[in-house]
Amino acid sequence: MQKIEPLMQELVAICQSSFKNKLFAGTSGNLSVCLREEGIMLITPTGIRYETMEPEDIVQMRLNGTVLEGRHDPSSEWAMHAEIYQQCPDTGAVFHTHSPFATAFAAARQKIPYILIEMKPFLGGEVTCARFAQAGTRELGLSAVEELKDGRTSCLLASHGVVAIGKNLAQARIRAEYVEDAATIYYRALQIGQPVILS
């Protein structure tokens, strides 16, 4: 299909720039896009370093786990992505990061309060922490979906990382970036005093 190849190229380009910006580390994190009319999810492969990733490494699959095309196995978190797409019908892209400051709050199982004005339009306000679920399971997706409501577009995964969703790759990416930015600023503000939580 004509639109698949450009999306595969975009996935790799975003992954590589996100790696440079430390949203990803090593081979951690994953990114996907859903073509709902075709019933296809494009997702990053498992265990491939972002510096060497190529468009041909992106895996094409169904939301039920059936791999249609790809020279590698899909991300170990494919089931989480699939569950989010099934439960959040307006979502076109899912961005899962292990960005350091946000993941620190996920490790502490603490939310990032609504402390910055840009958190409202980009993230829907505070970034809550989903209940713990094992990596690589649909249950992890369900735990995220519980937090992706009331206008919230991202959440922390307990002891794990971050999920941000969007209508497309660009929107999911900027939301993931804002989660890390908010986490960084909140952490630094805590060193100074008590950050003011907005209403």
N, C-alpha and C. Protein backbone atom coordinates (compact mmCIF):
# COMPACT_ATOMS: atom_id res chain seq x y z
N MET A 1 0.83 -1.19 0.00
CA MET A 1 0.00 0.00 0.00
C MET A 1 0.87 1.25 0.00
N GLN A 2 0.44 2.25 -0.74
CA GLN A 2 1.28 3.43 -0.95
C GLN A 2 1.61 4.16 0.34
N LYS A 3 0.66 4.24 1.27
CA LYS A 3 0.91 5.06 2.45
C LYS A 3 1.76 4.36 3.50
N ILE A 4 1.98 3.06 3.37
CA ILE A 4 2.72 2.34 4.40
C ILE A 4 4.20 2.70 4.38
N GLU A 5 4.80 2.76 3.22
CA GLU A 5 6.24 3.02 3.15
C GLU A 5 6.63 4.37 3.75
N PRO A 6 5.92 5.47 3.41
CA PRO A 6 6.27 6.75 4.06
C PRO A 6 6.11 6.71 5.58
N LEU A 7 5.10 5.97 6.07
CA LEU A 7 4.91 5.86 7.52
C LEU A 7 6.05 5.09 8.17
N MET A 8 6.54 4.06 7.50
CA MET A 8 7.67 3.31 8.02
C MET A 8 8.91 4.20 8.11
N GLN A 9 9.11 5.03 7.10
CA GLN A 9 10.23 5.96 7.11
C GLN A 9 10.08 6.98 8.24
N GLU A 10 8.84 7.46 8.44
CA GLU A 10 8.58 8.44 9.50
C GLU A 10 8.80 7.81 10.88
N LEU A 11 8.36 6.57 11.06
CA LEU A 11 8.58 5.87 12.32
C LEU A 11 10.06 5.81 12.67
N VAL A 12 10.88 5.43 11.70
CA VAL A 12 12.32 5.31 11.95
C VAL A 12 12.94 6.67 12.24
N ALA A 13 12.55 7.69 11.47
CA ALA A 13 13.11 9.03 11.68
C ALA A 13 12.76 9.55 13.07
N ILE A 14 11.53 9.35 13.51
CA ILE A 14 11.13 9.81 14.84
C ILE A 14 11.86 9.02 15.92
N CYS A 15 12.00 7.71 15.72
CA CYS A 15 12.73 6.89 16.70
C CYS A 15 14.17 7.36 16.85
N GLN A 16 14.82 7.63 15.74
CA GLN A 16 16.22 8.02 15.80
C GLN A 16 16.41 9.39 16.43
N SER A 17 15.52 10.34 16.13
CA SER A 17 15.63 11.65 16.77
C SER A 17 15.26 11.57 18.25
N SER A 18 14.32 10.70 18.58
CA SER A 18 13.93 10.52 19.99
C SER A 18 15.04 9.86 20.79
N PHE A 19 15.77 8.97 20.14
CA PHE A 19 16.93 8.35 20.79
C PHE A 19 17.99 9.40 21.11
N LYS A 20 18.24 10.29 20.15
CA LYS A 20 19.22 11.35 20.36
C LYS A 20 18.78 12.30 21.47
N ASN A 21 17.46 12.48 21.59
CA ASN A 21 16.93 13.38 22.62
C ASN A 21 16.65 12.67 23.94
N LYS A 22 17.10 11.40 24.04
CA LYS A 22 17.04 10.62 25.28
C LYS A 22 15.63 10.26 25.75
N LEU A 23 14.68 10.23 24.80
CA LEU A 23 13.38 9.67 25.15
C LEU A 23 13.46 8.14 25.16
N PHE A 24 14.38 7.61 24.38
CA PHE A 24 14.69 6.19 24.35
C PHE A 24 16.11 5.99 24.84
N ALA A 25 16.41 4.78 25.33
CA ALA A 25 17.78 4.41 25.70
C ALA A 25 18.00 2.96 25.27
N GLY A 26 19.17 2.69 24.65
CA GLY A 26 19.43 1.33 24.19
C GLY A 26 18.40 0.91 23.17
N THR A 27 17.68 -0.18 23.47
CA THR A 27 16.59 -0.62 22.59
C THR A 27 15.24 -0.47 23.30
N SER A 28 15.23 0.26 24.41
CA SER A 28 13.99 0.40 25.17
C SER A 28 13.03 1.36 24.49
N GLY A 29 11.77 1.25 24.86
CA GLY A 29 10.74 2.09 24.27
C GLY A 29 10.28 1.53 22.93
N ASN A 30 9.16 2.00 22.46
CA ASN A 30 8.62 1.55 21.17
C ASN A 30 7.59 2.55 20.67
N LEU A 31 7.31 2.46 19.40
CA LEU A 31 6.46 3.43 18.72
C LEU A 31 5.63 2.69 17.67
N SER A 32 4.37 3.08 17.54
CA SER A 32 3.52 2.43 16.55
C SER A 32 2.54 3.42 15.96
N VAL A 33 1.97 3.04 14.83
CA VAL A 33 0.91 3.79 14.18
C VAL A 33 -0.14 2.79 13.71
N CYS A 34 -1.39 3.18 13.77
CA CYS A 34 -2.48 2.28 13.40
C CYS A 34 -3.19 2.79 12.14
N LEU A 35 -3.29 1.93 11.14
CA LEU A 35 -4.06 2.22 9.94
C LEU A 35 -5.39 1.50 10.09
N ARG A 36 -6.38 2.21 10.60
CA ARG A 36 -7.62 1.55 11.01
C ARG A 36 -8.41 0.99 9.83
N GLU A 37 -8.44 1.70 8.72
CA GLU A 37 -9.20 1.20 7.57
C GLU A 37 -8.63 -0.11 7.05
N GLU A 38 -7.31 -0.23 7.11
CA GLU A 38 -6.65 -1.45 6.64
C GLU A 38 -6.54 -2.51 7.73
N GLY A 39 -6.81 -2.10 8.99
CA GLY A 39 -6.69 -3.05 10.09
C GLY A 39 -5.26 -3.46 10.37
N ILE A 40 -4.32 -2.51 10.17
CA ILE A 40 -2.89 -2.80 10.30
C ILE A 40 -2.25 -1.88 11.33
N MET A 41 -1.35 -2.45 12.11
CA MET A 41 -0.51 -1.67 13.01
C MET A 41 0.94 -1.79 12.53
N LEU A 42 1.61 -0.66 12.41
CA LEU A 42 3.04 -0.63 12.11
C LEU A 42 3.75 -0.35 13.43
N ILE A 43 4.71 -1.19 13.79
CA ILE A 43 5.35 -1.06 15.09
C ILE A 43 6.84 -1.34 15.00
N THR A 44 7.60 -0.72 15.86
CA THR A 44 9.05 -0.94 15.87
C THR A 44 9.36 -2.38 16.27
N PRO A 45 10.48 -2.91 15.79
CA PRO A 45 10.85 -4.30 16.11
C PRO A 45 11.47 -4.40 17.50
N THR A 46 11.56 -5.59 18.00
CA THR A 46 12.18 -5.81 19.30
C THR A 46 13.69 -6.00 19.14
N GLY A 47 14.43 -5.43 20.08
CA GLY A 47 15.86 -5.69 20.17
C GLY A 47 16.74 -5.08 19.10
N ILE A 48 16.22 -4.11 18.33
CA ILE A 48 17.03 -3.47 17.29
C ILE A 48 17.40 -2.07 17.76
N ARG A 49 18.68 -1.76 17.73
CA ARG A 49 19.13 -0.44 18.18
C ARG A 49 18.63 0.64 17.22
N TYR A 50 18.23 1.76 17.79
CA TYR A 50 17.64 2.82 16.98
C TYR A 50 18.62 3.43 15.99
N GLU A 51 19.90 3.45 16.35
CA GLU A 51 20.90 4.06 15.45
C GLU A 51 21.01 3.30 14.14
N THR A 52 20.71 2.01 14.17
CA THR A 52 20.86 1.19 12.97
C THR A 52 19.53 0.79 12.34
N MET A 53 18.43 1.21 12.93
CA MET A 53 17.11 0.81 12.44
C MET A 53 16.85 1.39 11.05
N GLU A 54 16.21 0.58 10.21
CA GLU A 54 15.84 0.98 8.86
C GLU A 54 14.33 0.79 8.67
N PRO A 55 13.74 1.47 7.68
CA PRO A 55 12.30 1.31 7.46
C PRO A 55 11.87 -0.15 7.28
N GLU A 56 12.74 -0.95 6.67
CA GLU A 56 12.40 -2.36 6.44
C GLU A 56 12.33 -3.16 7.74
N ASP A 57 12.83 -2.58 8.84
CA ASP A 57 12.78 -3.27 10.13
C ASP A 57 11.40 -3.13 10.80
N ILE A 58 10.60 -2.16 10.36
CA ILE A 58 9.28 -1.95 10.95
C ILE A 58 8.39 -3.16 10.63
N VAL A 59 7.63 -3.59 11.63
CA VAL A 59 6.78 -4.78 11.50
C VAL A 59 5.34 -4.36 11.21
N GLN A 60 4.75 -5.02 10.20
CA GLN A 60 3.34 -4.82 9.89
C GLN A 60 2.55 -5.98 10.49
N MET A 61 1.51 -5.66 11.26
CA MET A 61 0.77 -6.73 11.93
C MET A 61 -0.68 -6.33 12.18
N ARG A 62 -1.49 -7.33 12.52
CA ARG A 62 -2.87 -7.10 12.95
C ARG A 62 -2.88 -6.87 14.45
N LEU A 63 -3.98 -6.30 14.93
CA LEU A 63 -4.08 -6.05 16.37
C LEU A 63 -4.23 -7.33 17.18
N ASN A 64 -4.54 -8.44 16.50
CA ASN A 64 -4.64 -9.72 17.21
C ASN A 64 -3.29 -10.43 17.34
N GLY A 65 -2.23 -9.80 16.83
CA GLY A 65 -0.90 -10.39 16.95
C GLY A 65 -0.37 -11.06 15.71
N THR A 66 -1.18 -11.16 14.67
CA THR A 66 -0.74 -11.79 13.42
C THR A 66 0.23 -10.88 12.69
N VAL A 67 1.45 -11.37 12.48
CA VAL A 67 2.45 -10.60 11.75
C VAL A 67 2.23 -10.78 10.25
N LEU A 68 2.12 -9.67 9.53
CA LEU A 68 1.90 -9.69 8.09
C LEU A 68 3.20 -9.57 7.32
N GLU A 69 4.08 -8.75 7.83
CA GLU A 69 5.35 -8.53 7.13
C GLU A 69 6.37 -7.96 8.10
N GLY A 70 7.61 -8.41 7.96
CA GLY A 70 8.68 -7.91 8.81
C GLY A 70 9.78 -8.93 8.95
N ARG A 71 11.01 -8.44 8.97
CA ARG A 71 12.14 -9.37 9.08
C ARG A 71 12.57 -9.61 10.52
N HIS A 72 11.84 -8.96 11.47
CA HIS A 72 12.13 -9.15 12.89
C HIS A 72 10.81 -9.38 13.62
N ASP A 73 10.91 -9.79 14.87
CA ASP A 73 9.72 -9.88 15.72
C ASP A 73 9.28 -8.47 16.10
N PRO A 74 7.98 -8.27 16.32
CA PRO A 74 7.53 -6.95 16.75
C PRO A 74 7.97 -6.65 18.17
N SER A 75 7.88 -5.40 18.55
CA SER A 75 8.18 -4.99 19.92
C SER A 75 7.49 -5.91 20.91
N SER A 76 8.17 -6.17 22.00
CA SER A 76 7.58 -7.01 23.05
C SER A 76 6.35 -6.38 23.67
N GLU A 77 6.14 -5.09 23.41
CA GLU A 77 4.97 -4.38 23.95
C GLU A 77 3.84 -4.24 22.93
N TRP A 78 3.88 -5.05 21.87
CA TRP A 78 2.84 -4.91 20.84
C TRP A 78 1.44 -5.08 21.42
N ALA A 79 1.27 -5.96 22.40
CA ALA A 79 -0.06 -6.21 22.96
C ALA A 79 -0.59 -4.96 23.68
N MET A 80 0.30 -4.22 24.34
CA MET A 80 -0.12 -2.98 24.99
C MET A 80 -0.61 -1.99 23.94
N HIS A 81 0.14 -1.82 22.86
CA HIS A 81 -0.26 -0.93 21.79
C HIS A 81 -1.61 -1.34 21.22
N ALA A 82 -1.76 -2.62 20.95
CA ALA A 82 -3.00 -3.12 20.35
C ALA A 82 -4.19 -2.85 21.25
N GLU A 83 -4.02 -3.06 22.54
CA GLU A 83 -5.12 -2.83 23.48
C GLU A 83 -5.52 -1.37 23.52
N ILE A 84 -4.54 -0.48 23.49
CA ILE A 84 -4.84 0.96 23.48
C ILE A 84 -5.62 1.33 22.22
N TYR A 85 -5.20 0.81 21.07
CA TYR A 85 -5.93 1.10 19.83
C TYR A 85 -7.37 0.57 19.89
N GLN A 86 -7.54 -0.60 20.47
CA GLN A 86 -8.88 -1.17 20.54
C GLN A 86 -9.79 -0.42 21.50
N GLN A 87 -9.22 0.10 22.58
CA GLN A 87 -10.01 0.78 23.60
C GLN A 87 -10.14 2.28 23.37
N CYS A 88 -9.26 2.85 22.57
CA CYS A 88 -9.25 4.30 22.32
C CYS A 88 -9.37 4.54 20.82
N PRO A 89 -10.59 4.54 20.29
CA PRO A 89 -10.78 4.54 18.83
C PRO A 89 -10.27 5.77 18.10
N ASP A 90 -10.03 6.87 18.79
CA ASP A 90 -9.51 8.07 18.12
C ASP A 90 -7.99 8.09 18.06
N THR A 91 -7.36 7.09 18.64
CA THR A 91 -5.89 7.05 18.68
C THR A 91 -5.34 6.48 17.38
N GLY A 92 -4.36 7.21 16.81
CA GLY A 92 -3.71 6.76 15.58
C GLY A 92 -2.26 6.41 15.77
N ALA A 93 -1.67 6.80 16.93
CA ALA A 93 -0.28 6.50 17.19
C ALA A 93 -0.06 6.37 18.69
N VAL A 94 0.82 5.46 19.07
CA VAL A 94 1.17 5.23 20.48
C VAL A 94 2.69 5.33 20.62
N PHE A 95 3.12 6.14 21.58
CA PHE A 95 4.55 6.38 21.82
C PHE A 95 4.85 5.93 23.25
N HIS A 96 5.68 4.92 23.38
CA HIS A 96 6.08 4.41 24.71
C HIS A 96 7.55 4.70 24.93
N THR A 97 7.85 5.52 25.93
CA THR A 97 9.24 5.91 26.20
C THR A 97 9.68 5.45 27.58
N HIS A 98 10.99 5.48 27.77
CA HIS A 98 11.59 5.29 29.08
C HIS A 98 12.40 6.55 29.42
N SER A 99 11.85 7.70 29.08
CA SER A 99 12.57 8.96 29.31
C SER A 99 12.86 9.11 30.80
N PRO A 100 14.07 9.57 31.16
CA PRO A 100 14.58 9.40 32.52
C PRO A 100 13.80 10.08 33.64
N PHE A 101 13.43 11.35 33.49
CA PHE A 101 12.75 12.02 34.60
C PHE A 101 11.34 11.49 34.78
N ALA A 102 10.62 11.33 33.69
CA ALA A 102 9.26 10.80 33.80
C ALA A 102 9.28 9.37 34.33
N THR A 103 10.24 8.58 33.88
CA THR A 103 10.31 7.19 34.35
C THR A 103 10.70 7.14 35.83
N ALA A 104 11.44 8.14 36.30
CA ALA A 104 11.74 8.20 37.74
C ALA A 104 10.45 8.33 38.55
N PHE A 105 9.52 9.16 38.07
CA PHE A 105 8.23 9.28 38.76
C PHE A 105 7.43 7.99 38.63
N ALA A 106 7.55 7.32 37.48
CA ALA A 106 6.86 6.04 37.32
C ALA A 106 7.43 5.00 38.28
N ALA A 107 8.75 5.04 38.50
CA ALA A 107 9.38 4.11 39.43
C ALA A 107 8.92 4.37 40.86
N ALA A 108 8.69 5.64 41.18
CA ALA A 108 8.19 6.01 42.50
C ALA A 108 6.67 5.88 42.58
N ARG A 109 6.04 5.61 41.43
CA ARG A 109 4.59 5.47 41.32
C ARG A 109 3.89 6.74 41.80
N GLN A 110 4.44 7.86 41.34
CA GLN A 110 3.87 9.17 41.66
C GLN A 110 3.46 9.88 40.37
N LYS A 111 2.36 10.59 40.43
CA LYS A 111 1.91 11.35 39.27
C LYS A 111 2.72 12.63 39.12
N ILE A 112 2.60 13.26 37.96
CA ILE A 112 3.18 14.58 37.72
C ILE A 112 2.01 15.55 37.74
N PRO A 113 1.90 16.38 38.77
CA PRO A 113 0.74 17.27 38.89
C PRO A 113 0.71 18.31 37.76
N TYR A 114 -0.45 18.95 37.67
CA TYR A 114 -0.65 20.01 36.69
C TYR A 114 0.02 21.29 37.21
N ILE A 115 1.30 21.46 36.81
CA ILE A 115 2.09 22.58 37.32
C ILE A 115 2.49 23.58 36.24
N LEU A 116 2.30 23.23 34.97
CA LEU A 116 2.69 24.09 33.86
C LEU A 116 1.48 24.34 32.97
N ILE A 117 1.30 25.56 32.50
CA ILE A 117 0.11 25.89 31.72
C ILE A 117 0.02 25.06 30.44
N GLU A 118 1.17 24.70 29.83
CA GLU A 118 1.10 23.94 28.58
C GLU A 118 0.69 22.48 28.79
N MET A 119 0.67 22.03 30.05
CA MET A 119 0.24 20.65 30.31
C MET A 119 -1.24 20.46 29.98
N LYS A 120 -2.05 21.51 30.10
CA LYS A 120 -3.48 21.38 29.82
C LYS A 120 -3.75 21.12 28.34
N PRO A 121 -3.28 21.98 27.42
CA PRO A 121 -3.59 21.73 26.01
C PRO A 121 -2.90 20.51 25.42
N PHE A 122 -1.69 20.20 25.90
CA PHE A 122 -0.96 19.09 25.30
C PHE A 122 -1.23 17.75 25.98
N LEU A 123 -1.41 17.76 27.30
CA LEU A 123 -1.51 16.51 28.05
C LEU A 123 -2.85 16.32 28.74
N GLY A 124 -3.69 17.34 28.69
CA GLY A 124 -4.97 17.23 29.37
C GLY A 124 -4.90 17.50 30.86
N GLY A 125 -3.78 18.05 31.32
CA GLY A 125 -3.59 18.34 32.74
C GLY A 125 -2.52 17.46 33.35
N GLU A 126 -2.80 16.96 34.55
CA GLU A 126 -1.82 16.13 35.25
C GLU A 126 -1.55 14.83 34.50
N VAL A 127 -0.38 14.25 34.77
CA VAL A 127 -0.02 12.96 34.20
C VAL A 127 -0.07 11.94 35.33
N THR A 128 -1.08 11.10 35.30
CA THR A 128 -1.29 10.14 36.37
C THR A 128 -0.46 8.88 36.14
N CYS A 129 -0.37 8.07 37.17
CA CYS A 129 0.41 6.82 37.08
C CYS A 129 -0.55 5.63 37.06
N ALA A 130 -0.46 4.83 36.03
CA ALA A 130 -1.31 3.65 35.89
C ALA A 130 -0.90 2.58 36.91
N ARG A 131 -1.85 1.74 37.27
CA ARG A 131 -1.55 0.63 38.17
C ARG A 131 -0.53 -0.30 37.51
N PHE A 132 0.22 -1.01 38.34
CA PHE A 132 1.28 -1.88 37.82
C PHE A 132 0.69 -3.06 37.06
N ALA A 133 1.30 -3.38 35.93
CA ALA A 133 0.98 -4.58 35.16
C ALA A 133 2.26 -5.07 34.51
N GLN A 134 2.35 -6.35 34.28
CA GLN A 134 3.57 -6.93 33.72
C GLN A 134 3.81 -6.42 32.29
N ALA A 135 5.07 -6.19 31.98
CA ALA A 135 5.45 -5.79 30.62
C ALA A 135 5.07 -6.88 29.62
N GLY A 136 4.75 -6.46 28.41
CA GLY A 136 4.47 -7.42 27.36
C GLY A 136 3.08 -8.03 27.40
N THR A 137 2.17 -7.42 28.18
CA THR A 137 0.83 -8.00 28.32
C THR A 137 -0.24 -7.00 27.87
N ARG A 138 -1.41 -7.55 27.50
CA ARG A 138 -2.55 -6.70 27.22
C ARG A 138 -3.02 -5.98 28.49
N GLU A 139 -2.78 -6.61 29.64
CA GLU A 139 -3.15 -6.01 30.91
C GLU A 139 -2.45 -4.66 31.09
N LEU A 140 -1.22 -4.55 30.59
CA LEU A 140 -0.51 -3.28 30.66
C LEU A 140 -1.24 -2.22 29.85
N GLY A 141 -1.73 -2.61 28.68
CA GLY A 141 -2.52 -1.68 27.88
C GLY A 141 -3.80 -1.26 28.57
N LEU A 142 -4.47 -2.22 29.22
CA LEU A 142 -5.70 -1.91 29.95
C LEU A 142 -5.44 -0.96 31.11
N SER A 143 -4.31 -1.16 31.79
CA SER A 143 -3.99 -0.27 32.91
C SER A 143 -3.74 1.15 32.41
N ALA A 144 -3.12 1.27 31.24
CA ALA A 144 -2.90 2.60 30.66
C ALA A 144 -4.22 3.23 30.25
N VAL A 145 -5.09 2.45 29.62
CA VAL A 145 -6.38 2.97 29.15
C VAL A 145 -7.19 3.56 30.30
N GLU A 146 -7.08 2.97 31.49
CA GLU A 146 -7.80 3.48 32.65
C GLU A 146 -7.42 4.93 32.97
N GLU A 147 -6.20 5.32 32.60
CA GLU A 147 -5.71 6.69 32.87
C GLU A 147 -5.88 7.61 31.67
N LEU A 148 -6.08 7.05 30.49
CA LEU A 148 -6.21 7.85 29.28
C LEU A 148 -7.67 8.22 29.06
N LYS A 149 -8.20 9.02 29.95
CA LYS A 149 -9.60 9.43 29.89
C LYS A 149 -9.70 10.84 30.45
N ASP A 150 -10.88 11.42 30.35
CA ASP A 150 -11.10 12.79 30.83
C ASP A 150 -10.15 13.78 30.17
N GLY A 151 -9.85 13.53 28.90
CA GLY A 151 -9.00 14.43 28.14
C GLY A 151 -7.51 14.21 28.30
N ARG A 152 -7.10 13.27 29.15
CA ARG A 152 -5.67 13.01 29.34
C ARG A 152 -5.12 12.22 28.15
N THR A 153 -3.95 12.62 27.70
CA THR A 153 -3.36 12.02 26.49
C THR A 153 -2.07 11.26 26.78
N SER A 154 -1.75 11.10 28.05
CA SER A 154 -0.53 10.37 28.41
C SER A 154 -0.67 9.87 29.84
N CYS A 155 0.18 8.92 30.19
CA CYS A 155 0.23 8.46 31.57
C CYS A 155 1.58 7.81 31.83
N LEU A 156 1.87 7.65 33.10
CA LEU A 156 3.05 6.89 33.51
C LEU A 156 2.63 5.44 33.68
N LEU A 157 3.56 4.54 33.41
CA LEU A 157 3.35 3.11 33.65
C LEU A 157 4.16 2.75 34.89
N ALA A 158 3.51 2.29 35.94
CA ALA A 158 4.18 2.03 37.21
C ALA A 158 5.42 1.16 37.03
N SER A 159 6.54 1.66 37.57
CA SER A 159 7.82 0.93 37.54
C SER A 159 8.27 0.60 36.13
N HIS A 160 7.90 1.45 35.16
CA HIS A 160 8.15 1.07 33.77
C HIS A 160 8.54 2.25 32.88
N GLY A 161 7.60 3.17 32.63
CA GLY A 161 7.91 4.24 31.68
C GLY A 161 6.71 5.12 31.43
N VAL A 162 6.55 5.53 30.17
CA VAL A 162 5.54 6.52 29.78
C VAL A 162 4.81 6.04 28.54
N VAL A 163 3.53 6.37 28.45
CA VAL A 163 2.76 6.18 27.21
C VAL A 163 2.12 7.52 26.85
N ALA A 164 2.25 7.90 25.58
CA ALA A 164 1.56 9.07 25.05
C ALA A 164 0.86 8.65 23.77
N ILE A 165 -0.35 9.17 23.57
CA ILE A 165 -1.12 8.82 22.39
C ILE A 165 -1.44 10.07 21.58
N GLY A 166 -1.78 9.87 20.31
CA GLY A 166 -2.15 10.99 19.47
C GLY A 166 -2.89 10.51 18.24
N LYS A 167 -3.45 11.47 17.50
CA LYS A 167 -4.12 11.13 16.25
C LYS A 167 -3.12 10.65 15.21
N ASN A 168 -1.88 11.12 15.33
CA ASN A 168 -0.83 10.74 14.39
C ASN A 168 0.51 10.71 15.12
N LEU A 169 1.55 10.35 14.40
CA LEU A 169 2.87 10.20 15.00
C LEU A 169 3.39 11.52 15.57
N ALA A 170 3.19 12.60 14.83
CA ALA A 170 3.71 13.90 15.28
C ALA A 170 3.05 14.32 16.60
N GLN A 171 1.74 14.10 16.72
CA GLN A 171 1.04 14.49 17.94
C GLN A 171 1.45 13.62 19.12
N ALA A 172 1.57 12.32 18.90
CA ALA A 172 2.01 11.42 19.98
C ALA A 172 3.42 11.78 20.43
N ARG A 173 4.27 12.13 19.48
CA ARG A 173 5.66 12.47 19.82
C ARG A 173 5.74 13.72 20.69
N ILE A 174 5.04 14.78 20.29
CA ILE A 174 5.17 16.02 21.05
C ILE A 174 4.58 15.85 22.45
N ARG A 175 3.58 15.01 22.58
CA ARG A 175 3.02 14.75 23.91
C ARG A 175 4.02 14.00 24.78
N ALA A 176 4.73 13.04 24.20
CA ALA A 176 5.76 12.32 24.95
C ALA A 176 6.87 13.28 25.38
N GLU A 177 7.20 14.22 24.50
CA GLU A 177 8.22 15.21 24.84
C GLU A 177 7.76 16.10 25.99
N TYR A 178 6.48 16.49 25.98
CA TYR A 178 5.96 17.35 27.05
C TYR A 178 5.88 16.62 28.38
N VAL A 179 5.64 15.31 28.36
CA VAL A 179 5.65 14.56 29.61
C VAL A 179 7.04 14.62 30.24
N GLU A 180 8.07 14.39 29.45
CA GLU A 180 9.42 14.44 29.99
C GLU A 180 9.79 15.85 30.43
N ASP A 181 9.36 16.84 29.69
CA ASP A 181 9.64 18.24 30.06
C ASP A 181 8.96 18.57 31.39
N ALA A 182 7.70 18.18 31.54
CA ALA A 182 6.98 18.45 32.79
C ALA A 182 7.62 17.72 33.96
N ALA A 183 8.02 16.47 33.74
CA ALA A 183 8.66 15.70 34.81
C ALA A 183 9.98 16.34 35.23
N THR A 184 10.75 16.79 34.27
CA THR A 184 12.04 17.43 34.56
C THR A 184 11.85 18.70 35.38
N ILE A 185 10.92 19.53 34.94
CA ILE A 185 10.68 20.80 35.62
C ILE A 185 10.10 20.55 37.01
N TYR A 186 9.18 19.61 37.12
CA TYR A 186 8.59 19.31 38.43
C TYR A 186 9.66 18.82 39.40
N TYR A 187 10.53 17.93 38.93
CA TYR A 187 11.61 17.42 39.79
C TYR A 187 12.50 18.58 40.26
N ARG A 188 12.87 19.46 39.35
CA ARG A 188 13.77 20.57 39.71
C ARG A 188 13.07 21.57 40.62
N ALA A 189 11.78 21.79 40.39
CA ALA A 189 11.04 22.71 41.24
C ALA A 189 10.94 22.17 42.67
N LEU A 190 10.87 20.85 42.81
CA LEU A 190 10.81 20.24 44.14
C LEU A 190 12.10 20.48 44.93
N GLN A 191 13.21 20.70 44.22
CA GLN A 191 14.48 20.97 44.89
C GLN A 191 14.51 22.39 45.47
N ILE A 192 13.66 23.27 44.91
CA ILE A 192 13.64 24.67 45.32
C ILE A 192 12.61 24.89 46.44
N GLY A 193 11.48 24.26 46.28
CA GLY A 193 10.39 24.48 47.23
C GLY A 193 9.19 23.63 46.84
N GLN A 194 8.01 24.12 47.10
CA GLN A 194 6.79 23.39 46.79
C GLN A 194 6.16 23.96 45.52
N PRO A 195 6.18 23.20 44.41
CA PRO A 195 5.59 23.70 43.16
C PRO A 195 4.10 23.98 43.35
N VAL A 196 3.63 25.02 42.68
CA VAL A 196 2.22 25.40 42.74
C VAL A 196 1.43 24.57 41.74
N ILE A 197 0.42 23.89 42.23
CA ILE A 197 -0.43 23.07 41.36
C ILE A 197 -1.57 23.95 40.85
N LEU A 198 -1.74 23.96 39.53
CA LEU A 198 -2.77 24.78 38.91
C LEU A 198 -4.14 24.11 39.01
N SER A 199 -5.18 24.92 38.96
CA SER A 199 -6.54 24.37 39.05
C SER A 199 -7.14 24.24 37.67
